[in-house]
Amino acid sequence: MPVIVVGVGGSVRARYSESFELAVLGAMSIQRASHVEPDAAGQWWADLSPVGGPDLGPFALRSQALAAENCWLDAHLSQVSVSKDQRSNAGSLTDPASAFDKKEARPPL
């Protein structure tokens, strides 16, 4: 079940998930929150800069980067900044203590 944050004015914010039909809450605007990509060494990174978040990683597996992405988004959903221009969907920790609020310099691609 996704984390759902309801604002004072009644606006709703959630990480997209097909486990809950978000459209029942009203009109939706789906916006990209992150990018999960490999670097030149084949390590995976979750880049949360589209919502003002950190780079999480490196991870050996893409699934680990996706899990870190989802955990970070769920934990920080009420604090993320999202631009109204963004028009695509977003997704997704091996060790939560090592990935949360962690900003490492990503190796060049």
N, C-alpha and C. Protein backbone atom coordinates (compact mmCIF):
# COMPACT_ATOMS: atom_id res chain seq x y z
N MET A 1 0.85 -1.18 0.00
CA MET A 1 0.00 0.00 0.00
C MET A 1 0.89 1.24 0.00
N PRO A 2 0.64 2.19 -0.89
CA PRO A 2 1.48 3.39 -0.96
C PRO A 2 1.22 4.33 0.22
N VAL A 3 2.23 5.15 0.51
CA VAL A 3 2.08 6.22 1.49
C VAL A 3 1.31 7.34 0.79
N ILE A 4 0.28 7.84 1.43
CA ILE A 4 -0.53 8.92 0.87
C ILE A 4 -0.51 10.09 1.84
N VAL A 5 -0.15 11.27 1.35
CA VAL A 5 -0.10 12.48 2.17
C VAL A 5 -1.21 13.41 1.70
N VAL A 6 -2.06 13.82 2.62
CA VAL A 6 -3.16 14.74 2.30
C VAL A 6 -2.79 16.11 2.88
N GLY A 7 -2.73 17.12 2.00
CA GLY A 7 -2.38 18.46 2.43
C GLY A 7 -3.55 19.18 3.08
N VAL A 8 -3.26 20.31 3.71
CA VAL A 8 -4.28 21.10 4.41
C VAL A 8 -5.43 21.48 3.49
N GLY A 9 -5.13 21.82 2.24
CA GLY A 9 -6.15 22.21 1.29
C GLY A 9 -6.85 21.05 0.61
N GLY A 10 -6.51 19.83 1.01
CA GLY A 10 -7.14 18.66 0.43
C GLY A 10 -6.38 18.03 -0.72
N SER A 11 -5.24 18.61 -1.10
CA SER A 11 -4.44 18.00 -2.17
C SER A 11 -3.85 16.68 -1.66
N VAL A 12 -3.64 15.76 -2.56
CA VAL A 12 -3.12 14.44 -2.21
C VAL A 12 -1.82 14.20 -2.95
N ARG A 13 -0.84 13.65 -2.26
CA ARG A 13 0.45 13.32 -2.87
C ARG A 13 0.78 11.88 -2.50
N ALA A 14 1.22 11.10 -3.50
CA ALA A 14 1.58 9.71 -3.27
C ALA A 14 2.61 9.28 -4.30
N ARG A 15 3.40 8.26 -3.94
CA ARG A 15 4.28 7.64 -4.93
C ARG A 15 3.41 6.72 -5.77
N TYR A 16 3.54 6.82 -7.08
CA TYR A 16 2.70 6.02 -7.98
C TYR A 16 2.85 4.54 -7.67
N SER A 17 1.74 3.87 -7.61
CA SER A 17 1.71 2.43 -7.39
C SER A 17 0.45 1.87 -8.03
N GLU A 18 0.58 0.71 -8.62
CA GLU A 18 -0.60 0.06 -9.19
C GLU A 18 -1.34 -0.77 -8.14
N SER A 19 -0.85 -0.76 -6.90
CA SER A 19 -1.51 -1.52 -5.83
C SER A 19 -2.73 -0.77 -5.27
N PHE A 20 -2.89 0.49 -5.63
CA PHE A 20 -4.01 1.29 -5.16
C PHE A 20 -4.45 2.19 -6.30
N GLU A 21 -5.73 2.23 -6.59
CA GLU A 21 -6.25 3.05 -7.69
C GLU A 21 -6.33 4.50 -7.24
N LEU A 22 -5.26 5.27 -7.48
CA LEU A 22 -5.20 6.66 -7.04
C LEU A 22 -6.25 7.54 -7.70
N ALA A 23 -6.72 7.18 -8.87
CA ALA A 23 -7.71 7.99 -9.59
C ALA A 23 -9.01 8.14 -8.82
N VAL A 24 -9.30 7.23 -7.89
CA VAL A 24 -10.54 7.37 -7.11
C VAL A 24 -10.50 8.60 -6.21
N LEU A 25 -9.30 9.17 -6.01
CA LEU A 25 -9.16 10.35 -5.17
C LEU A 25 -9.41 11.65 -5.95
N GLY A 26 -9.53 11.55 -7.28
CA GLY A 26 -9.78 12.73 -8.09
C GLY A 26 -8.80 12.83 -9.25
N ALA A 27 -8.81 13.98 -9.91
CA ALA A 27 -7.93 14.21 -11.05
C ALA A 27 -6.48 14.07 -10.63
N MET A 28 -5.66 13.44 -11.49
CA MET A 28 -4.27 13.20 -11.15
C MET A 28 -3.32 13.98 -12.05
N SER A 29 -2.17 14.26 -11.51
CA SER A 29 -1.04 14.79 -12.26
C SER A 29 0.14 13.90 -11.89
N ILE A 30 0.65 13.14 -12.85
CA ILE A 30 1.74 12.22 -12.58
C ILE A 30 3.04 12.87 -13.02
N GLN A 31 4.02 12.94 -12.12
CA GLN A 31 5.27 13.63 -12.38
C GLN A 31 6.46 12.76 -12.01
N ARG A 32 7.54 12.87 -12.77
CA ARG A 32 8.76 12.10 -12.50
C ARG A 32 9.40 12.58 -11.20
N ALA A 33 9.77 11.63 -10.35
CA ALA A 33 10.42 11.95 -9.09
C ALA A 33 11.89 11.58 -9.10
N SER A 34 12.30 10.70 -10.01
CA SER A 34 13.69 10.24 -9.98
C SER A 34 14.07 9.56 -11.29
N HIS A 35 15.36 9.22 -11.36
CA HIS A 35 15.91 8.45 -12.47
C HIS A 35 16.79 7.37 -11.86
N VAL A 36 16.63 6.12 -12.27
CA VAL A 36 17.50 5.04 -11.82
C VAL A 36 18.32 4.60 -13.02
N GLU A 37 19.64 4.81 -12.93
CA GLU A 37 20.53 4.56 -14.06
C GLU A 37 21.83 3.94 -13.58
N PRO A 38 22.49 3.17 -14.45
CA PRO A 38 23.81 2.65 -14.10
C PRO A 38 24.90 3.67 -14.45
N ASP A 39 26.04 3.57 -13.74
CA ASP A 39 27.19 4.39 -14.11
C ASP A 39 28.10 3.57 -15.03
N ALA A 40 29.24 4.13 -15.39
CA ALA A 40 30.16 3.46 -16.31
C ALA A 40 30.70 2.15 -15.76
N ALA A 41 30.71 2.01 -14.43
CA ALA A 41 31.22 0.79 -13.79
C ALA A 41 30.12 -0.26 -13.60
N GLY A 42 28.90 0.04 -14.05
CA GLY A 42 27.80 -0.90 -13.91
C GLY A 42 27.11 -0.86 -12.55
N GLN A 43 27.42 0.14 -11.74
CA GLN A 43 26.76 0.33 -10.45
C GLN A 43 25.50 1.18 -10.68
N TRP A 44 24.48 0.91 -9.90
CA TRP A 44 23.19 1.59 -10.08
C TRP A 44 23.02 2.72 -9.09
N TRP A 45 22.42 3.82 -9.56
CA TRP A 45 22.17 5.03 -8.76
C TRP A 45 20.71 5.43 -8.89
N ALA A 46 20.13 5.88 -7.81
CA ALA A 46 18.81 6.49 -7.83
C ALA A 46 19.01 7.99 -7.66
N ASP A 47 18.74 8.74 -8.70
CA ASP A 47 18.91 10.19 -8.71
C ASP A 47 17.56 10.83 -8.40
N LEU A 48 17.43 11.39 -7.22
CA LEU A 48 16.17 12.01 -6.81
C LEU A 48 16.18 13.52 -6.97
N SER A 49 17.08 14.05 -7.80
CA SER A 49 17.16 15.50 -8.00
C SER A 49 15.89 16.12 -8.56
N PRO A 50 15.05 15.40 -9.34
CA PRO A 50 13.82 16.04 -9.83
C PRO A 50 12.90 16.52 -8.69
N VAL A 51 13.04 15.96 -7.49
CA VAL A 51 12.22 16.39 -6.34
C VAL A 51 13.10 16.99 -5.24
N GLY A 52 14.31 17.42 -5.61
CA GLY A 52 15.19 18.05 -4.64
C GLY A 52 15.88 17.08 -3.70
N GLY A 53 15.91 15.81 -4.06
CA GLY A 53 16.52 14.79 -3.21
C GLY A 53 17.94 14.46 -3.61
N PRO A 54 18.54 13.51 -2.89
CA PRO A 54 19.93 13.13 -3.11
C PRO A 54 20.10 12.07 -4.20
N ASP A 55 21.35 11.77 -4.51
CA ASP A 55 21.70 10.58 -5.29
C ASP A 55 21.88 9.46 -4.28
N LEU A 56 21.22 8.33 -4.48
CA LEU A 56 21.37 7.18 -3.60
C LEU A 56 22.17 6.12 -4.34
N GLY A 57 23.19 5.59 -3.72
CA GLY A 57 23.98 4.55 -4.34
C GLY A 57 25.44 4.71 -4.01
N PRO A 58 26.27 3.91 -4.59
CA PRO A 58 25.97 2.96 -5.66
C PRO A 58 25.40 1.65 -5.14
N PHE A 59 24.66 0.96 -5.99
CA PHE A 59 24.09 -0.35 -5.69
C PHE A 59 24.55 -1.33 -6.75
N ALA A 60 24.78 -2.56 -6.34
CA ALA A 60 25.21 -3.60 -7.28
C ALA A 60 24.07 -4.01 -8.21
N LEU A 61 22.84 -3.93 -7.71
CA LEU A 61 21.68 -4.38 -8.48
C LEU A 61 20.70 -3.23 -8.71
N ARG A 62 20.08 -3.22 -9.85
CA ARG A 62 19.05 -2.21 -10.15
C ARG A 62 17.90 -2.31 -9.15
N SER A 63 17.52 -3.52 -8.77
CA SER A 63 16.41 -3.70 -7.83
C SER A 63 16.72 -3.05 -6.48
N GLN A 64 18.00 -3.02 -6.08
CA GLN A 64 18.37 -2.36 -4.83
C GLN A 64 18.20 -0.85 -4.96
N ALA A 65 18.58 -0.30 -6.11
CA ALA A 65 18.41 1.14 -6.33
C ALA A 65 16.93 1.51 -6.37
N LEU A 66 16.10 0.65 -6.99
CA LEU A 66 14.66 0.90 -7.02
C LEU A 66 14.05 0.85 -5.62
N ALA A 67 14.50 -0.09 -4.80
CA ALA A 67 14.00 -0.20 -3.43
C ALA A 67 14.40 1.03 -2.61
N ALA A 68 15.63 1.51 -2.80
CA ALA A 68 16.10 2.70 -2.10
C ALA A 68 15.29 3.92 -2.52
N GLU A 69 15.03 4.01 -3.82
CA GLU A 69 14.22 5.10 -4.36
C GLU A 69 12.83 5.11 -3.71
N ASN A 70 12.18 3.96 -3.68
CA ASN A 70 10.84 3.88 -3.09
C ASN A 70 10.85 4.23 -1.61
N CYS A 71 11.82 3.72 -0.87
CA CYS A 71 11.91 4.02 0.57
C CYS A 71 12.10 5.51 0.81
N TRP A 72 13.02 6.12 0.05
CA TRP A 72 13.29 7.54 0.24
C TRP A 72 12.05 8.37 -0.09
N LEU A 73 11.41 8.05 -1.20
CA LEU A 73 10.21 8.80 -1.59
C LEU A 73 9.11 8.67 -0.55
N ASP A 74 8.87 7.46 -0.06
CA ASP A 74 7.84 7.27 0.96
C ASP A 74 8.15 8.05 2.23
N ALA A 75 9.42 8.06 2.64
CA ALA A 75 9.82 8.75 3.88
C ALA A 75 9.80 10.26 3.74
N HIS A 76 9.98 10.77 2.52
CA HIS A 76 10.11 12.22 2.33
C HIS A 76 8.98 12.83 1.49
N LEU A 77 7.92 12.08 1.29
CA LEU A 77 6.85 12.51 0.38
C LEU A 77 6.28 13.88 0.71
N SER A 78 6.12 14.19 1.97
CA SER A 78 5.52 15.48 2.33
C SER A 78 6.49 16.63 2.14
N GLN A 79 7.78 16.35 1.94
CA GLN A 79 8.80 17.39 1.83
C GLN A 79 9.31 17.62 0.42
N VAL A 80 9.00 16.72 -0.52
CA VAL A 80 9.58 16.85 -1.86
C VAL A 80 9.00 18.02 -2.61
N SER A 81 9.83 18.61 -3.46
CA SER A 81 9.37 19.71 -4.31
C SER A 81 9.21 19.17 -5.72
N VAL A 82 8.05 19.36 -6.30
CA VAL A 82 7.76 18.83 -7.63
C VAL A 82 7.34 19.97 -8.53
N SER A 83 7.95 20.03 -9.70
CA SER A 83 7.62 21.05 -10.68
C SER A 83 6.36 20.65 -11.44
N LYS A 84 5.48 21.59 -11.70
CA LYS A 84 4.26 21.30 -12.45
C LYS A 84 4.54 21.03 -13.92
N ASP A 85 5.76 21.33 -14.41
CA ASP A 85 6.10 21.08 -15.81
C ASP A 85 6.36 19.60 -16.08
N GLN A 86 6.75 18.86 -15.07
CA GLN A 86 7.11 17.45 -15.27
C GLN A 86 5.87 16.65 -15.58
N ARG A 87 5.96 15.78 -16.61
CA ARG A 87 4.78 15.03 -17.04
C ARG A 87 5.10 13.58 -17.36
N SER A 88 5.70 12.83 -16.45
CA SER A 88 5.89 11.40 -16.65
C SER A 88 5.84 10.73 -15.30
N ASN A 89 5.84 9.40 -15.26
CA ASN A 89 5.71 8.76 -13.97
C ASN A 89 7.05 8.35 -13.39
N ALA A 90 7.05 8.13 -12.09
CA ALA A 90 8.27 7.80 -11.38
C ALA A 90 8.13 6.48 -10.67
N GLY A 91 9.08 5.98 -10.36
CA GLY A 91 8.93 4.81 -9.57
C GLY A 91 9.09 5.15 -8.13
N SER A 92 11.70 4.09 -6.57
CA SER A 92 11.77 2.88 -6.16
C SER A 92 12.92 2.91 -5.25
N LEU A 93 16.48 -0.64 -0.41
CA LEU A 93 17.64 -0.02 0.23
C LEU A 93 18.30 -1.26 0.73
N THR A 94 19.22 -1.36 0.29
CA THR A 94 19.78 -2.53 0.91
C THR A 94 19.96 -2.25 2.39
N ASP A 95 20.53 -1.14 2.75
CA ASP A 95 20.71 -0.74 4.14
C ASP A 95 20.18 0.67 4.28
N PRO A 96 19.01 0.86 4.92
CA PRO A 96 18.43 2.19 5.00
C PRO A 96 19.37 3.22 5.62
N ALA A 97 20.15 2.82 6.60
CA ALA A 97 21.04 3.78 7.25
C ALA A 97 22.10 4.30 6.29
N SER A 98 22.50 3.49 5.33
CA SER A 98 23.54 3.94 4.42
C SER A 98 23.00 4.73 3.23
N ALA A 99 21.71 4.61 2.94
CA ALA A 99 21.19 5.26 1.74
C ALA A 99 20.40 6.53 2.03
N PHE A 100 19.71 6.62 3.14
CA PHE A 100 18.92 7.81 3.42
C PHE A 100 19.83 9.02 3.62
N ASP A 101 19.41 10.13 3.02
CA ASP A 101 20.11 11.39 3.14
C ASP A 101 21.59 11.26 2.77
N LYS A 102 21.90 10.38 1.88
CA LYS A 102 23.29 10.14 1.47
C LYS A 102 23.50 10.80 0.12
N LYS A 103 24.42 11.70 0.03
CA LYS A 103 24.72 12.37 -1.24
C LYS A 103 26.17 12.09 -1.55
N GLU A 104 26.41 11.20 -2.48
CA GLU A 104 27.77 10.89 -2.89
C GLU A 104 27.99 11.44 -4.29
N ALA A 105 29.23 11.73 -4.59
CA ALA A 105 29.54 12.16 -5.96
C ALA A 105 29.42 10.94 -6.86
N ARG A 106 28.59 11.05 -7.86
CA ARG A 106 28.40 9.96 -8.80
C ARG A 106 29.58 9.94 -9.77
N PRO A 107 30.14 8.76 -10.02
CA PRO A 107 31.21 8.68 -11.01
C PRO A 107 30.70 9.10 -12.39
N PRO A 108 31.57 9.64 -13.22
CA PRO A 108 31.11 10.05 -14.57
C PRO A 108 30.68 8.84 -15.38
N LEU A 109 29.71 9.08 -16.27
CA LEU A 109 29.23 8.01 -17.16
C LEU A 109 30.21 7.74 -18.26
